[in-house]
Amino acid sequence: MPESASSGGSRFFGLPTTSLGRVSAWLLLAAVVLMVLTSTVLDAVSFSVGNVNIIGMVNFLALLAALVPGAMALIRDRERSWAVWLSTALPAIVLGFEVVSWLVPGE
């Protein structure tokens, strides 16, 4: 049993206790830092191959890399930390918007 649960505290407000939870939280932090860097520093630079924006694809893959271990920690390891919920919910929302933008023809 995690230490925070045995002391009567809420497991939600603690930091991740499982290795997958910690990996997911760190990957989300790395993805957010990458997004901030690409929107500020690399804004003038555009790397594209055909119709694919390479920087955007790397950002998307970084978010997806945070989603997978976060979901595994929530489901398999029953991790309940706020950081793991955030590192799973935010990429899932972004993934949802991306899927909808691919399915619905834009203008």
N, C-alpha and C. Protein backbone atom coordinates (compact mmCIF):
# COMPACT_ATOMS: atom_id res chain seq x y z
N MET A 1 0.85 -1.18 0.00
CA MET A 1 0.00 0.00 0.00
C MET A 1 0.89 1.24 0.00
N PRO A 2 0.61 2.25 -0.84
CA PRO A 2 1.43 3.45 -0.87
C PRO A 2 1.41 4.16 0.48
N GLU A 3 2.49 4.87 0.77
CA GLU A 3 2.61 5.54 2.06
C GLU A 3 1.51 6.55 2.30
N SER A 4 1.13 7.30 1.25
CA SER A 4 0.12 8.34 1.44
C SER A 4 -1.24 7.74 1.77
N ALA A 5 -1.52 6.54 1.29
CA ALA A 5 -2.81 5.90 1.58
C ALA A 5 -2.82 5.33 2.99
N SER A 6 -1.69 4.84 3.46
CA SER A 6 -1.65 4.25 4.78
C SER A 6 -1.70 5.30 5.87
N SER A 7 -1.28 6.53 5.59
CA SER A 7 -1.29 7.58 6.60
C SER A 7 -2.63 8.30 6.65
N GLY A 8 -3.59 7.88 5.86
CA GLY A 8 -4.92 8.47 5.90
C GLY A 8 -5.08 9.66 4.97
N GLY A 9 -4.02 10.06 4.27
CA GLY A 9 -4.11 11.18 3.34
C GLY A 9 -4.72 10.76 2.02
N SER A 10 -5.05 11.73 1.22
CA SER A 10 -5.63 11.44 -0.09
C SER A 10 -4.53 11.07 -1.07
N ARG A 11 -4.75 9.98 -1.81
CA ARG A 11 -3.77 9.58 -2.81
C ARG A 11 -3.81 10.51 -4.01
N PHE A 12 -4.90 11.24 -4.20
CA PHE A 12 -5.03 12.13 -5.35
C PHE A 12 -4.05 13.29 -5.26
N PHE A 13 -3.85 13.86 -4.08
CA PHE A 13 -3.02 15.05 -3.95
C PHE A 13 -1.54 14.74 -3.79
N GLY A 14 -1.17 13.47 -3.77
CA GLY A 14 0.23 13.11 -3.68
C GLY A 14 0.87 13.00 -5.05
N LEU A 15 2.18 12.79 -5.04
CA LEU A 15 2.90 12.57 -6.28
C LEU A 15 2.76 11.11 -6.70
N PRO A 16 3.04 10.79 -7.95
CA PRO A 16 2.90 9.40 -8.41
C PRO A 16 3.79 8.45 -7.60
N THR A 17 3.24 7.28 -7.28
CA THR A 17 4.00 6.31 -6.50
C THR A 17 4.50 5.16 -7.36
N THR A 18 3.93 4.95 -8.53
CA THR A 18 4.38 3.85 -9.39
C THR A 18 5.36 4.37 -10.43
N SER A 19 6.16 3.48 -10.97
CA SER A 19 7.15 3.90 -11.97
C SER A 19 6.47 4.37 -13.26
N LEU A 20 5.39 3.70 -13.66
CA LEU A 20 4.67 4.15 -14.86
C LEU A 20 4.05 5.53 -14.65
N GLY A 21 3.56 5.78 -13.45
CA GLY A 21 3.00 7.09 -13.15
C GLY A 21 4.04 8.19 -13.21
N ARG A 22 5.21 7.92 -12.67
CA ARG A 22 6.29 8.91 -12.73
C ARG A 22 6.76 9.14 -14.16
N VAL A 23 6.86 8.07 -14.95
CA VAL A 23 7.25 8.21 -16.36
C VAL A 23 6.23 9.05 -17.12
N SER A 24 4.97 8.80 -16.89
CA SER A 24 3.91 9.54 -17.56
C SER A 24 3.95 11.03 -17.20
N ALA A 25 4.15 11.32 -15.92
CA ALA A 25 4.20 12.72 -15.49
C ALA A 25 5.41 13.44 -16.10
N TRP A 26 6.57 12.78 -16.12
CA TRP A 26 7.76 13.39 -16.71
C TRP A 26 7.60 13.58 -18.22
N LEU A 27 6.97 12.63 -18.88
CA LEU A 27 6.76 12.76 -20.32
C LEU A 27 5.80 13.91 -20.64
N LEU A 28 4.78 14.10 -19.80
CA LEU A 28 3.89 15.24 -20.01
C LEU A 28 4.64 16.55 -19.82
N LEU A 29 5.48 16.62 -18.81
CA LEU A 29 6.28 17.82 -18.60
C LEU A 29 7.20 18.08 -19.79
N ALA A 30 7.82 17.04 -20.32
CA ALA A 30 8.68 17.19 -21.49
C ALA A 30 7.88 17.64 -22.71
N ALA A 31 6.67 17.10 -22.88
CA ALA A 31 5.83 17.49 -24.01
C ALA A 31 5.41 18.96 -23.90
N VAL A 32 5.08 19.41 -22.69
CA VAL A 32 4.69 20.81 -22.51
C VAL A 32 5.87 21.73 -22.77
N VAL A 33 7.05 21.35 -22.28
CA VAL A 33 8.25 22.16 -22.54
C VAL A 33 8.54 22.21 -24.04
N LEU A 34 8.39 21.09 -24.73
CA LEU A 34 8.60 21.04 -26.17
C LEU A 34 7.60 21.94 -26.90
N MET A 35 6.34 21.93 -26.45
CA MET A 35 5.34 22.79 -27.08
C MET A 35 5.64 24.27 -26.86
N VAL A 36 6.09 24.61 -25.65
CA VAL A 36 6.44 26.00 -25.38
C VAL A 36 7.63 26.43 -26.23
N LEU A 37 8.62 25.56 -26.34
CA LEU A 37 9.79 25.87 -27.16
C LEU A 37 9.41 26.03 -28.63
N THR A 38 8.56 25.15 -29.14
CA THR A 38 8.20 25.25 -30.55
C THR A 38 7.33 26.46 -30.83
N SER A 39 6.55 26.89 -29.86
CA SER A 39 5.70 28.06 -30.11
C SER A 39 6.45 29.37 -29.91
N THR A 40 7.57 29.35 -29.19
CA THR A 40 8.32 30.59 -28.97
C THR A 40 9.60 30.63 -29.78
N VAL A 41 10.48 29.68 -29.55
CA VAL A 41 11.80 29.71 -30.18
C VAL A 41 11.75 29.25 -31.62
N LEU A 42 11.07 28.16 -31.87
CA LEU A 42 11.06 27.58 -33.21
C LEU A 42 9.87 28.03 -34.05
N ASP A 43 9.24 29.13 -33.66
CA ASP A 43 8.05 29.60 -34.39
C ASP A 43 8.40 29.99 -35.82
N ALA A 44 9.57 30.58 -36.02
CA ALA A 44 9.94 31.03 -37.35
C ALA A 44 10.44 29.87 -38.22
N VAL A 45 10.82 28.77 -37.60
CA VAL A 45 11.36 27.63 -38.33
C VAL A 45 10.24 26.63 -38.59
N SER A 46 10.12 26.20 -39.82
CA SER A 46 9.09 25.21 -40.16
C SER A 46 9.75 24.04 -40.88
N PHE A 47 9.65 22.88 -40.28
CA PHE A 47 10.17 21.67 -40.89
C PHE A 47 9.00 20.86 -41.42
N SER A 48 8.89 20.76 -42.72
CA SER A 48 7.78 20.01 -43.31
C SER A 48 8.32 19.06 -44.37
N VAL A 49 7.71 17.89 -44.41
CA VAL A 49 7.98 16.93 -45.46
C VAL A 49 6.65 16.66 -46.12
N GLY A 50 6.48 17.18 -47.32
CA GLY A 50 5.19 17.08 -47.99
C GLY A 50 4.15 17.90 -47.23
N ASN A 51 3.08 17.26 -46.82
CA ASN A 51 2.04 17.92 -46.04
C ASN A 51 2.21 17.73 -44.54
N VAL A 52 3.24 17.02 -44.11
CA VAL A 52 3.42 16.68 -42.70
C VAL A 52 4.37 17.68 -42.05
N ASN A 53 3.88 18.36 -41.01
CA ASN A 53 4.71 19.25 -40.21
C ASN A 53 5.46 18.40 -39.19
N ILE A 54 6.77 18.33 -39.30
CA ILE A 54 7.58 17.46 -38.47
C ILE A 54 7.53 17.89 -37.01
N ILE A 55 7.60 19.19 -36.73
CA ILE A 55 7.57 19.67 -35.35
C ILE A 55 6.22 19.36 -34.71
N GLY A 56 5.15 19.55 -35.44
CA GLY A 56 3.84 19.22 -34.92
C GLY A 56 3.69 17.74 -34.66
N MET A 57 4.25 16.93 -35.53
CA MET A 57 4.18 15.47 -35.35
C MET A 57 4.98 15.04 -34.12
N VAL A 58 6.13 15.66 -33.89
CA VAL A 58 6.93 15.33 -32.71
C VAL A 58 6.17 15.73 -31.44
N ASN A 59 5.50 16.89 -31.46
CA ASN A 59 4.69 17.29 -30.31
C ASN A 59 3.56 16.29 -30.06
N PHE A 60 2.90 15.87 -31.12
CA PHE A 60 1.81 14.91 -30.99
C PHE A 60 2.31 13.58 -30.43
N LEU A 61 3.45 13.11 -30.93
CA LEU A 61 4.01 11.85 -30.44
C LEU A 61 4.47 11.95 -28.99
N ALA A 62 4.96 13.12 -28.58
CA ALA A 62 5.35 13.30 -27.18
C ALA A 62 4.12 13.24 -26.27
N LEU A 63 3.02 13.83 -26.69
CA LEU A 63 1.78 13.73 -25.90
C LEU A 63 1.26 12.30 -25.87
N LEU A 64 1.34 11.63 -26.98
CA LEU A 64 0.91 10.24 -27.03
C LEU A 64 1.79 9.37 -26.14
N ALA A 65 3.07 9.68 -26.08
CA ALA A 65 3.99 8.94 -25.22
C ALA A 65 3.67 9.15 -23.75
N ALA A 66 3.08 10.28 -23.38
CA ALA A 66 2.65 10.51 -22.00
C ALA A 66 1.33 9.82 -21.71
N LEU A 67 0.48 9.70 -22.72
CA LEU A 67 -0.84 9.09 -22.53
C LEU A 67 -0.77 7.60 -22.24
N VAL A 68 0.05 6.88 -22.96
CA VAL A 68 0.08 5.41 -22.85
C VAL A 68 0.52 4.94 -21.46
N PRO A 69 1.66 5.38 -20.92
CA PRO A 69 2.00 4.91 -19.57
C PRO A 69 1.06 5.44 -18.50
N GLY A 70 0.49 6.62 -18.73
CA GLY A 70 -0.47 7.15 -17.77
C GLY A 70 -1.72 6.30 -17.69
N ALA A 71 -2.23 5.90 -18.84
CA ALA A 71 -3.41 5.03 -18.86
C ALA A 71 -3.09 3.67 -18.26
N MET A 72 -1.89 3.16 -18.54
CA MET A 72 -1.50 1.88 -17.94
C MET A 72 -1.38 1.99 -16.42
N ALA A 73 -0.85 3.11 -15.94
CA ALA A 73 -0.73 3.30 -14.49
C ALA A 73 -2.09 3.43 -13.84
N LEU A 74 -3.01 4.11 -14.50
CA LEU A 74 -4.35 4.27 -13.93
C LEU A 74 -5.11 2.95 -13.90
N ILE A 75 -5.02 2.18 -14.97
CA ILE A 75 -5.81 0.95 -15.07
C ILE A 75 -5.13 -0.22 -14.36
N ARG A 76 -3.88 -0.48 -14.69
CA ARG A 76 -3.22 -1.68 -14.17
C ARG A 76 -2.72 -1.49 -12.73
N ASP A 77 -2.07 -0.35 -12.47
CA ASP A 77 -1.46 -0.14 -11.16
C ASP A 77 -2.35 0.62 -10.18
N ARG A 78 -3.51 1.07 -10.65
CA ARG A 78 -4.47 1.82 -9.83
C ARG A 78 -3.84 3.07 -9.21
N GLU A 79 -3.03 3.75 -10.00
CA GLU A 79 -2.42 5.01 -9.59
C GLU A 79 -3.51 6.09 -9.58
N ARG A 80 -3.53 6.93 -8.56
CA ARG A 80 -4.58 7.94 -8.45
C ARG A 80 -4.03 9.34 -8.22
N SER A 81 -2.80 9.59 -8.56
CA SER A 81 -2.18 10.90 -8.38
C SER A 81 -2.72 11.91 -9.38
N TRP A 82 -2.77 13.18 -8.97
CA TRP A 82 -3.24 14.24 -9.86
C TRP A 82 -2.35 14.35 -11.09
N ALA A 83 -1.06 14.12 -10.92
CA ALA A 83 -0.13 14.25 -12.05
C ALA A 83 -0.41 13.19 -13.10
N VAL A 84 -0.77 11.99 -12.68
CA VAL A 84 -1.06 10.93 -13.64
C VAL A 84 -2.41 11.18 -14.31
N TRP A 85 -3.40 11.63 -13.55
CA TRP A 85 -4.68 11.97 -14.17
C TRP A 85 -4.49 13.07 -15.20
N LEU A 86 -3.68 14.09 -14.87
CA LEU A 86 -3.44 15.18 -15.80
C LEU A 86 -2.67 14.70 -17.03
N SER A 87 -1.68 13.84 -16.81
CA SER A 87 -0.88 13.36 -17.94
C SER A 87 -1.63 12.36 -18.80
N THR A 88 -2.78 11.92 -18.35
CA THR A 88 -3.63 11.05 -19.16
C THR A 88 -4.77 11.84 -19.80
N ALA A 89 -5.37 12.74 -19.04
CA ALA A 89 -6.54 13.47 -19.53
C ALA A 89 -6.18 14.49 -20.62
N LEU A 90 -5.12 15.27 -20.40
CA LEU A 90 -4.77 16.30 -21.40
C LEU A 90 -4.40 15.71 -22.76
N PRO A 91 -3.53 14.69 -22.83
CA PRO A 91 -3.27 14.10 -24.14
C PRO A 91 -4.50 13.44 -24.75
N ALA A 92 -5.38 12.87 -23.93
CA ALA A 92 -6.59 12.26 -24.46
C ALA A 92 -7.50 13.31 -25.09
N ILE A 93 -7.58 14.48 -24.47
CA ILE A 93 -8.39 15.57 -25.03
C ILE A 93 -7.78 16.05 -26.34
N VAL A 94 -6.47 16.23 -26.37
CA VAL A 94 -5.80 16.66 -27.60
C VAL A 94 -5.98 15.61 -28.70
N LEU A 95 -5.84 14.34 -28.34
CA LEU A 95 -6.04 13.26 -29.30
C LEU A 95 -7.47 13.28 -29.83
N GLY A 96 -8.43 13.52 -28.96
CA GLY A 96 -9.82 13.62 -29.39
C GLY A 96 -10.05 14.73 -30.38
N PHE A 97 -9.48 15.91 -30.11
CA PHE A 97 -9.61 17.02 -31.05
C PHE A 97 -8.93 16.72 -32.38
N GLU A 98 -7.79 16.05 -32.34
CA GLU A 98 -7.09 15.69 -33.58
C GLU A 98 -7.90 14.70 -34.40
N VAL A 99 -8.48 13.72 -33.75
CA VAL A 99 -9.28 12.72 -34.48
C VAL A 99 -10.50 13.39 -35.10
N VAL A 100 -11.15 14.27 -34.35
CA VAL A 100 -12.32 14.97 -34.89
C VAL A 100 -11.91 15.86 -36.07
N SER A 101 -10.76 16.52 -35.98
CA SER A 101 -10.33 17.38 -37.09
C SER A 101 -9.99 16.56 -38.33
N TRP A 102 -9.56 15.32 -38.14
CA TRP A 102 -9.29 14.45 -39.30
C TRP A 102 -10.58 13.92 -39.91
N LEU A 103 -11.57 13.65 -39.06
CA LEU A 103 -12.83 13.06 -39.54
C LEU A 103 -13.78 14.08 -40.16
N VAL A 104 -13.81 15.29 -39.63
CA VAL A 104 -14.70 16.33 -40.12
C VAL A 104 -13.94 17.18 -41.12
N PRO A 105 -14.41 17.24 -42.34
CA PRO A 105 -13.70 18.06 -43.35
C PRO A 105 -13.71 19.53 -42.96
N GLY A 106 -12.55 20.16 -43.02
CA GLY A 106 -12.43 21.57 -42.66
C GLY A 106 -12.56 22.47 -43.87
N GLU A 107 -12.51 23.72 -43.57
CA GLU A 107 -12.63 24.72 -44.65
C GLU A 107 -11.29 25.07 -45.22
